Amino acid sequence: MSVTQSRSFSLRKNTHRTYGKLAIQAQTLSILMTLSTHLHPATVHFPIAFLFTASLTGLLYLYWQPQPTLVVLTWWGMRLGWLGTWLAVLSGLWAQGDLPTQAPYRSLLNWHISTGLALLVVYGLPLYQQWLYGSKRRQKARQPQNQIAGELLDNPQARLWLSACFLVGIGLLLASGWNGGRLVFDWGVHVMTK
């Protein structure tokens, strides 16, 4: 084999490797984009169920019967729902990255995104306050002043703002779910057609 033939063979071999790598990268990107469009619809239902249940049980505890079961359902449902909301928001932001910027449904999509982000704030506030309220240092600080120790839901000073968070949270859940449904069923966003 001559030097010229060797160089030609070497160039073809490297070109084949480059095109092979590009094909693998394109295939990987295609799989990731398909995953992004399927991940958001798969993750939104659990946060809705958990946060709605947490809000209802929290309101039942505050205004009906303060039972320990309702405390567990309120805080654990809120924790799981809040973490699930993070996953739903992140997967939704990822999935909307390949949508056209001038689409006619863009304002509805922006409102859907805004309600998802607002859910993180509205449910994050009671979770953070419960974490602070339950810390040992805060409990010790409340004991000499004869304040209620233990559960944030039992604190009369927190009753009003907790009720507001639960009710606003339910409203945001309904708005976000409704708008997500409109994006899919009215506009066909990320719906595969045959």
C-alpha atoms as a PDB file:
ATOM      1  CA  MET A   1       0.000   0.000   0.000  1.00  0.00           C
ATOM      2  CA  SER A   2       1.433   3.340  -0.978  1.00  0.00           C
ATOM      3  CA  VAL A   3       1.624   6.383   1.304  1.00  0.00           C
ATOM      4  CA  THR A   4      -1.170   8.119  -0.647  1.00  0.00           C
ATOM      5  CA  GLN A   5      -3.450   5.094  -0.365  1.00  0.00           C
ATOM      6  CA  SER A   6      -2.667   4.817   3.329  1.00  0.00           C
ATOM      7  CA  ARG A   7      -3.605   8.471   3.947  1.00  0.00           C
ATOM      8  CA  SER A   8      -6.787   8.077   1.900  1.00  0.00           C
ATOM      9  CA  PHE A   9      -7.764   4.962   3.883  1.00  0.00           C
ATOM     10  CA  SER A  10      -6.961   6.741   7.144  1.00  0.00           C
ATOM     11  CA  LEU A  11      -9.136   9.746   6.199  1.00  0.00           C
ATOM     12  CA  ARG A  12     -12.049   7.513   5.253  1.00  0.00           C
ATOM     13  CA  LYS A  13     -11.728   5.601   8.509  1.00  0.00           C
ATOM     14  CA  ASN A  14     -11.710   8.825  10.588  1.00  0.00           C
ATOM     15  CA  THR A  15     -14.625  10.247   8.579  1.00  0.00           C
ATOM     16  CA  HIS A  16     -16.612   7.057   9.237  1.00  0.00           C
ATOM     17  CA  ARG A  17     -15.856   7.351  12.963  1.00  0.00           C
ATOM     18  CA  THR A  18     -16.935  10.999  12.984  1.00  0.00           C
ATOM     19  CA  TYR A  19     -20.211  10.264  11.174  1.00  0.00           C
ATOM     20  CA  GLY A  20     -20.771   7.289  13.465  1.00  0.00           C
ATOM     21  CA  LYS A  21     -20.314   9.483  16.557  1.00  0.00           C
ATOM     22  CA  LEU A  22     -22.649  12.110  15.104  1.00  0.00           C
ATOM     23  CA  ALA A  23     -25.262   9.452  14.380  1.00  0.00           C
ATOM     24  CA  ILE A  24     -25.025   8.165  17.958  1.00  0.00           C
ATOM     25  CA  GLN A  25     -25.271  11.709  19.320  1.00  0.00           C
ATOM     26  CA  ALA A  26     -28.286  12.443  17.103  1.00  0.00           C
ATOM     27  CA  GLN A  27     -29.937   9.212  18.199  1.00  0.00           C
ATOM     28  CA  THR A  28     -29.242  10.005  21.865  1.00  0.00           C
ATOM     29  CA  LEU A  29     -30.640  13.507  21.423  1.00  0.00           C
ATOM     30  CA  SER A  30     -33.746  12.066  19.766  1.00  0.00           C
ATOM     31  CA  ILE A  31     -34.261   9.676  22.680  1.00  0.00           C
ATOM     32  CA  LEU A  32     -33.810  12.504  25.188  1.00  0.00           C
ATOM     33  CA  MET A  33     -36.307  14.730  23.375  1.00  0.00           C
ATOM     34  CA  THR A  34     -38.817  11.872  23.250  1.00  0.00           C
ATOM     35  CA  LEU A  35     -38.236  11.293  26.950  1.00  0.00           C
ATOM     36  CA  SER A  36     -38.708  14.989  27.685  1.00  0.00           C
ATOM     37  CA  THR A  37     -42.107  15.057  26.018  1.00  0.00           C
ATOM     38  CA  HIS A  38     -43.245  11.910  27.870  1.00  0.00           C
ATOM     39  CA  LEU A  39     -41.726  12.649  31.280  1.00  0.00           C
ATOM     40  CA  HIS A  40     -43.844  15.705  32.099  1.00  0.00           C
ATOM     41  CA  PRO A  41     -47.248  14.044  31.539  1.00  0.00           C
ATOM     42  CA  ALA A  42     -46.059  11.093  33.622  1.00  0.00           C
ATOM     43  CA  THR A  43     -45.036  13.246  36.590  1.00  0.00           C
ATOM     44  CA  VAL A  44     -47.833  15.797  36.987  1.00  0.00           C
ATOM     45  CA  HIS A  45     -50.583  13.623  38.450  1.00  0.00           C
ATOM     46  CA  PHE A  46     -48.873  12.623  41.685  1.00  0.00           C
ATOM     47  CA  PRO A  47     -48.102  16.160  42.885  1.00  0.00           C
ATOM     48  CA  ILE A  48     -51.668  17.206  42.147  1.00  0.00           C
ATOM     49  CA  ALA A  49     -53.052  14.298  44.182  1.00  0.00           C
ATOM     50  CA  PHE A  50     -50.604  14.707  47.064  1.00  0.00           C
ATOM     51  CA  LEU A  51     -50.941  18.492  47.364  1.00  0.00           C
ATOM     52  CA  PHE A  52     -54.719  18.458  47.014  1.00  0.00           C
ATOM     53  CA  THR A  53     -54.975  15.779  49.716  1.00  0.00           C
ATOM     54  CA  ALA A  54     -52.544  17.667  51.959  1.00  0.00           C
ATOM     55  CA  SER A  55     -54.561  20.875  51.616  1.00  0.00           C
ATOM     56  CA  LEU A  56     -57.863  19.181  52.338  1.00  0.00           C
ATOM     57  CA  THR A  57     -56.538  17.273  55.350  1.00  0.00           C
ATOM     58  CA  GLY A  58     -54.868  20.430  56.654  1.00  0.00           C
ATOM     59  CA  LEU A  59     -58.146  22.328  56.417  1.00  0.00           C
ATOM     60  CA  LEU A  60     -59.987  19.439  58.078  1.00  0.00           C
ATOM     61  CA  TYR A  61     -57.475  19.489  60.921  1.00  0.00           C
ATOM     62  CA  LEU A  62     -57.793  23.245  61.370  1.00  0.00           C
ATOM     63  CA  TYR A  63     -61.593  23.504  61.173  1.00  0.00           C
ATOM     64  CA  TRP A  64     -63.080  20.102  61.916  1.00  0.00           C
ATOM     65  CA  GLN A  65     -61.226  17.594  64.123  1.00  0.00           C
ATOM     66  CA  PRO A  66     -57.571  17.807  65.087  1.00  0.00           C
ATOM     67  CA  GLN A  67     -56.591  14.151  64.695  1.00  0.00           C
ATOM     68  CA  PRO A  68     -53.003  12.850  64.467  1.00  0.00           C
ATOM     69  CA  THR A  69     -53.807  11.031  61.220  1.00  0.00           C
ATOM     70  CA  LEU A  70     -54.691  14.318  59.555  1.00  0.00           C
ATOM     71  CA  VAL A  71     -51.347  15.808  60.653  1.00  0.00           C
ATOM     72  CA  VAL A  72     -49.470  12.937  59.029  1.00  0.00           C
ATOM     73  CA  LEU A  73     -51.518  13.185  55.836  1.00  0.00           C
ATOM     74  CA  THR A  74     -51.046  16.946  55.710  1.00  0.00           C
ATOM     75  CA  TRP A  75     -47.274  17.113  56.143  1.00  0.00           C
ATOM     76  CA  TRP A  76     -46.245  13.930  54.345  1.00  0.00           C
ATOM     77  CA  GLY A  77     -48.607  14.614  51.466  1.00  0.00           C
ATOM     78  CA  MET A  78     -47.243  18.132  51.214  1.00  0.00           C
ATOM     79  CA  ARG A  79     -43.615  16.957  51.286  1.00  0.00           C
ATOM     80  CA  LEU A  80     -44.156  14.313  48.612  1.00  0.00           C
ATOM     81  CA  GLY A  81     -46.279  16.662  46.516  1.00  0.00           C
ATOM     82  CA  TRP A  82     -43.739  19.475  46.763  1.00  0.00           C
ATOM     83  CA  LEU A  83     -40.893  17.200  45.668  1.00  0.00           C
ATOM     84  CA  GLY A  84     -43.066  15.856  42.852  1.00  0.00           C
ATOM     85  CA  THR A  85     -43.893  19.417  41.821  1.00  0.00           C
ATOM     86  CA  TRP A  86     -40.185  20.101  41.410  1.00  0.00           C
ATOM     87  CA  LEU A  87     -39.914  17.105  39.091  1.00  0.00           C
ATOM     88  CA  ALA A  88     -43.017  18.149  37.156  1.00  0.00           C
ATOM     89  CA  VAL A  89     -41.848  21.761  36.805  1.00  0.00           C
ATOM     90  CA  LEU A  90     -38.351  20.793  35.681  1.00  0.00           C
ATOM     91  CA  SER A  91     -39.613  18.201  33.199  1.00  0.00           C
ATOM     92  CA  GLY A  92     -42.179  20.699  31.899  1.00  0.00           C
ATOM     93  CA  LEU A  93     -39.552  23.377  31.387  1.00  0.00           C
ATOM     94  CA  TRP A  94     -37.385  20.843  29.591  1.00  0.00           C
ATOM     95  CA  ALA A  95     -40.266  19.679  27.389  1.00  0.00           C
ATOM     96  CA  GLN A  96     -41.302  23.208  26.393  1.00  0.00           C
ATOM     97  CA  GLY A  97     -37.789  23.957  25.139  1.00  0.00           C
ATOM     98  CA  ASP A  98     -38.540  22.581  21.676  1.00  0.00           C
ATOM     99  CA  LEU A  99     -41.878  24.375  21.243  1.00  0.00           C
ATOM    100  CA  PRO A 100     -42.114  27.305  18.823  1.00  0.00           C
ATOM    101  CA  THR A 101     -41.580  30.668  20.496  1.00  0.00           C
ATOM    102  CA  GLN A 102     -44.366  32.412  18.554  1.00  0.00           C
ATOM    103  CA  ALA A 103     -47.016  29.736  19.038  1.00  0.00           C
ATOM    104  CA  PRO A 104     -50.581  30.999  19.557  1.00  0.00           C
ATOM    105  CA  TYR A 105     -50.835  29.097  22.850  1.00  0.00           C
ATOM    106  CA  ARG A 106     -47.681  30.713  24.312  1.00  0.00           C
ATOM    107  CA  SER A 107     -49.571  32.955  26.772  1.00  0.00           C
ATOM    108  CA  LEU A 108     -51.496  29.940  28.077  1.00  0.00           C
ATOM    109  CA  LEU A 109     -48.226  28.022  28.376  1.00  0.00           C
ATOM    110  CA  ASN A 110     -46.601  30.883  30.271  1.00  0.00           C
ATOM    111  CA  TRP A 111     -49.533  30.996  32.679  1.00  0.00           C
ATOM    112  CA  HIS A 112     -49.265  27.220  33.152  1.00  0.00           C
ATOM    113  CA  ILE A 113     -45.546  27.588  33.932  1.00  0.00           C
ATOM    114  CA  SER A 114     -46.214  30.478  36.320  1.00  0.00           C
ATOM    115  CA  THR A 115     -48.805  28.517  38.297  1.00  0.00           C
ATOM    116  CA  GLY A 116     -46.396  25.595  38.573  1.00  0.00           C
ATOM    117  CA  LEU A 117     -43.682  27.849  39.968  1.00  0.00           C
ATOM    118  CA  ALA A 118     -46.189  29.518  42.298  1.00  0.00           C
ATOM    119  CA  LEU A 119     -47.121  26.080  43.670  1.00  0.00           C
ATOM    120  CA  LEU A 120     -43.520  25.596  44.759  1.00  0.00           C
ATOM    121  CA  VAL A 121     -43.638  28.863  46.700  1.00  0.00           C
ATOM    122  CA  VAL A 122     -47.125  28.449  48.193  1.00  0.00           C
ATOM    123  CA  TYR A 123     -46.446  24.933  49.491  1.00  0.00           C
ATOM    124  CA  GLY A 124     -42.780  25.574  50.248  1.00  0.00           C
ATOM    125  CA  LEU A 125     -43.670  28.273  52.782  1.00  0.00           C
ATOM    126  CA  PRO A 126     -45.668  26.018  55.172  1.00  0.00           C
ATOM    127  CA  LEU A 127     -43.072  23.253  54.795  1.00  0.00           C
ATOM    128  CA  TYR A 128     -40.288  25.642  55.730  1.00  0.00           C
ATOM    129  CA  GLN A 129     -42.258  27.082  58.641  1.00  0.00           C
ATOM    130  CA  GLN A 130     -43.086  23.568  59.906  1.00  0.00           C
ATOM    131  CA  TRP A 131     -39.405  22.691  59.732  1.00  0.00           C
ATOM    132  CA  LEU A 132     -38.514  25.829  61.716  1.00  0.00           C
ATOM    133  CA  TYR A 133     -41.388  25.347  64.162  1.00  0.00           C
ATOM    134  CA  GLY A 134     -40.408  21.759  64.851  1.00  0.00           C
ATOM    135  CA  SER A 135     -36.705  22.446  65.427  1.00  0.00           C
ATOM    136  CA  LYS A 136     -35.497  21.719  68.954  1.00  0.00           C
ATOM    137  CA  ARG A 137     -34.146  25.225  69.459  1.00  0.00           C
ATOM    138  CA  ARG A 138     -37.478  26.802  68.559  1.00  0.00           C
ATOM    139  CA  GLN A 139     -39.362  24.374  70.805  1.00  0.00           C
ATOM    140  CA  LYS A 140     -37.136  25.268  73.752  1.00  0.00           C
ATOM    141  CA  ALA A 141     -37.645  28.981  73.069  1.00  0.00           C
ATOM    142  CA  ARG A 142     -41.449  28.541  73.140  1.00  0.00           C
ATOM    143  CA  GLN A 143     -41.602  26.560  76.408  1.00  0.00           C
ATOM    144  CA  PRO A 144     -40.657  29.367  78.858  1.00  0.00           C
ATOM    145  CA  GLN A 145     -43.277  31.630  77.262  1.00  0.00           C
ATOM    146  CA  ASN A 146     -46.008  28.946  77.665  1.00  0.00           C
ATOM    147  CA  GLN A 147     -46.584  28.816  73.936  1.00  0.00           C
ATOM    148  CA  ILE A 148     -47.827  25.702  72.219  1.00  0.00           C
ATOM    149  CA  ALA A 149     -44.974  23.332  71.487  1.00  0.00           C
ATOM    150  CA  GLY A 150     -44.885  20.727  68.777  1.00  0.00           C
ATOM    151  CA  GLU A 151     -47.300  21.122  65.905  1.00  0.00           C
ATOM    152  CA  LEU A 152     -47.584  24.187  63.686  1.00  0.00           C
ATOM    153  CA  LEU A 153     -51.198  23.306  62.851  1.00  0.00           C
ATOM    154  CA  ASP A 154     -52.056  23.743  66.554  1.00  0.00           C
ATOM    155  CA  ASN A 155     -50.634  27.256  66.705  1.00  0.00           C
ATOM    156  CA  PRO A 156     -53.547  29.753  66.661  1.00  0.00           C
ATOM    157  CA  GLN A 157     -51.291  32.441  65.157  1.00  0.00           C
ATOM    158  CA  ALA A 158     -50.585  30.231  62.146  1.00  0.00           C
ATOM    159  CA  ARG A 159     -54.182  29.192  61.502  1.00  0.00           C
ATOM    160  CA  LEU A 160     -55.088  32.070  59.187  1.00  0.00           C
ATOM    161  CA  TRP A 161     -52.001  32.058  56.974  1.00  0.00           C
ATOM    162  CA  LEU A 162     -51.991  28.242  56.790  1.00  0.00           C
ATOM    163  CA  SER A 163     -55.638  28.322  55.677  1.00  0.00           C
ATOM    164  CA  ALA A 164     -54.740  30.926  53.054  1.00  0.00           C
ATOM    165  CA  CYS A 165     -51.837  28.783  51.777  1.00  0.00           C
ATOM    166  CA  PHE A 166     -54.063  25.707  51.558  1.00  0.00           C
ATOM    167  CA  LEU A 167     -56.854  27.542  49.726  1.00  0.00           C
ATOM    168  CA  VAL A 168     -54.519  29.416  47.363  1.00  0.00           C
ATOM    169  CA  GLY A 169     -52.697  26.130  46.744  1.00  0.00           C
ATOM    170  CA  ILE A 170     -55.939  24.389  45.777  1.00  0.00           C
ATOM    171  CA  GLY A 171     -56.737  27.262  43.416  1.00  0.00           C
ATOM    172  CA  LEU A 172     -53.290  27.075  41.819  1.00  0.00           C
ATOM    173  CA  LEU A 173     -53.584  23.291  41.445  1.00  0.00           C
ATOM    174  CA  LEU A 174     -56.909  23.678  39.662  1.00  0.00           C
ATOM    175  CA  ALA A 175     -55.599  26.463  37.414  1.00  0.00           C
ATOM    176  CA  SER A 176     -52.382  24.647  36.541  1.00  0.00           C
ATOM    177  CA  GLY A 177     -54.149  21.349  35.848  1.00  0.00           C
ATOM    178  CA  TRP A 178     -56.860  23.042  33.810  1.00  0.00           C
ATOM    179  CA  ASN A 179     -54.357  24.964  31.707  1.00  0.00           C
ATOM    180  CA  GLY A 180     -52.218  21.872  31.190  1.00  0.00           C
ATOM    181  CA  GLY A 181     -55.298  20.037  29.987  1.00  0.00           C
ATOM    182  CA  ARG A 182     -56.169  22.888  27.621  1.00  0.00           C
ATOM    183  CA  LEU A 183     -52.645  22.828  26.190  1.00  0.00           C
ATOM    184  CA  VAL A 184     -52.964  19.122  25.433  1.00  0.00           C
ATOM    185  CA  PHE A 185     -56.614  18.763  24.453  1.00  0.00           C
ATOM    186  CA  ASP A 186     -57.330  22.139  22.838  1.00  0.00           C
ATOM    187  CA  TRP A 187     -53.949  22.901  21.266  1.00  0.00           C
ATOM    188  CA  GLY A 188     -52.465  19.396  20.932  1.00  0.00           C
ATOM    189  CA  VAL A 189     -49.137  20.412  22.475  1.00  0.00           C
ATOM    190  CA  HIS A 190     -46.776  17.425  22.336  1.00  0.00           C
ATOM    191  CA  VAL A 191     -49.519  15.128  21.133  1.00  0.00           C
ATOM    192  CA  MET A 192     -48.297  12.694  18.511  1.00  0.00           C
ATOM    193  CA  THR A 193     -50.405  12.496  15.381  1.00  0.00           C
ATOM    194  CA  LYS A 194     -50.363   9.599  12.993  1.00  0.00           C
END
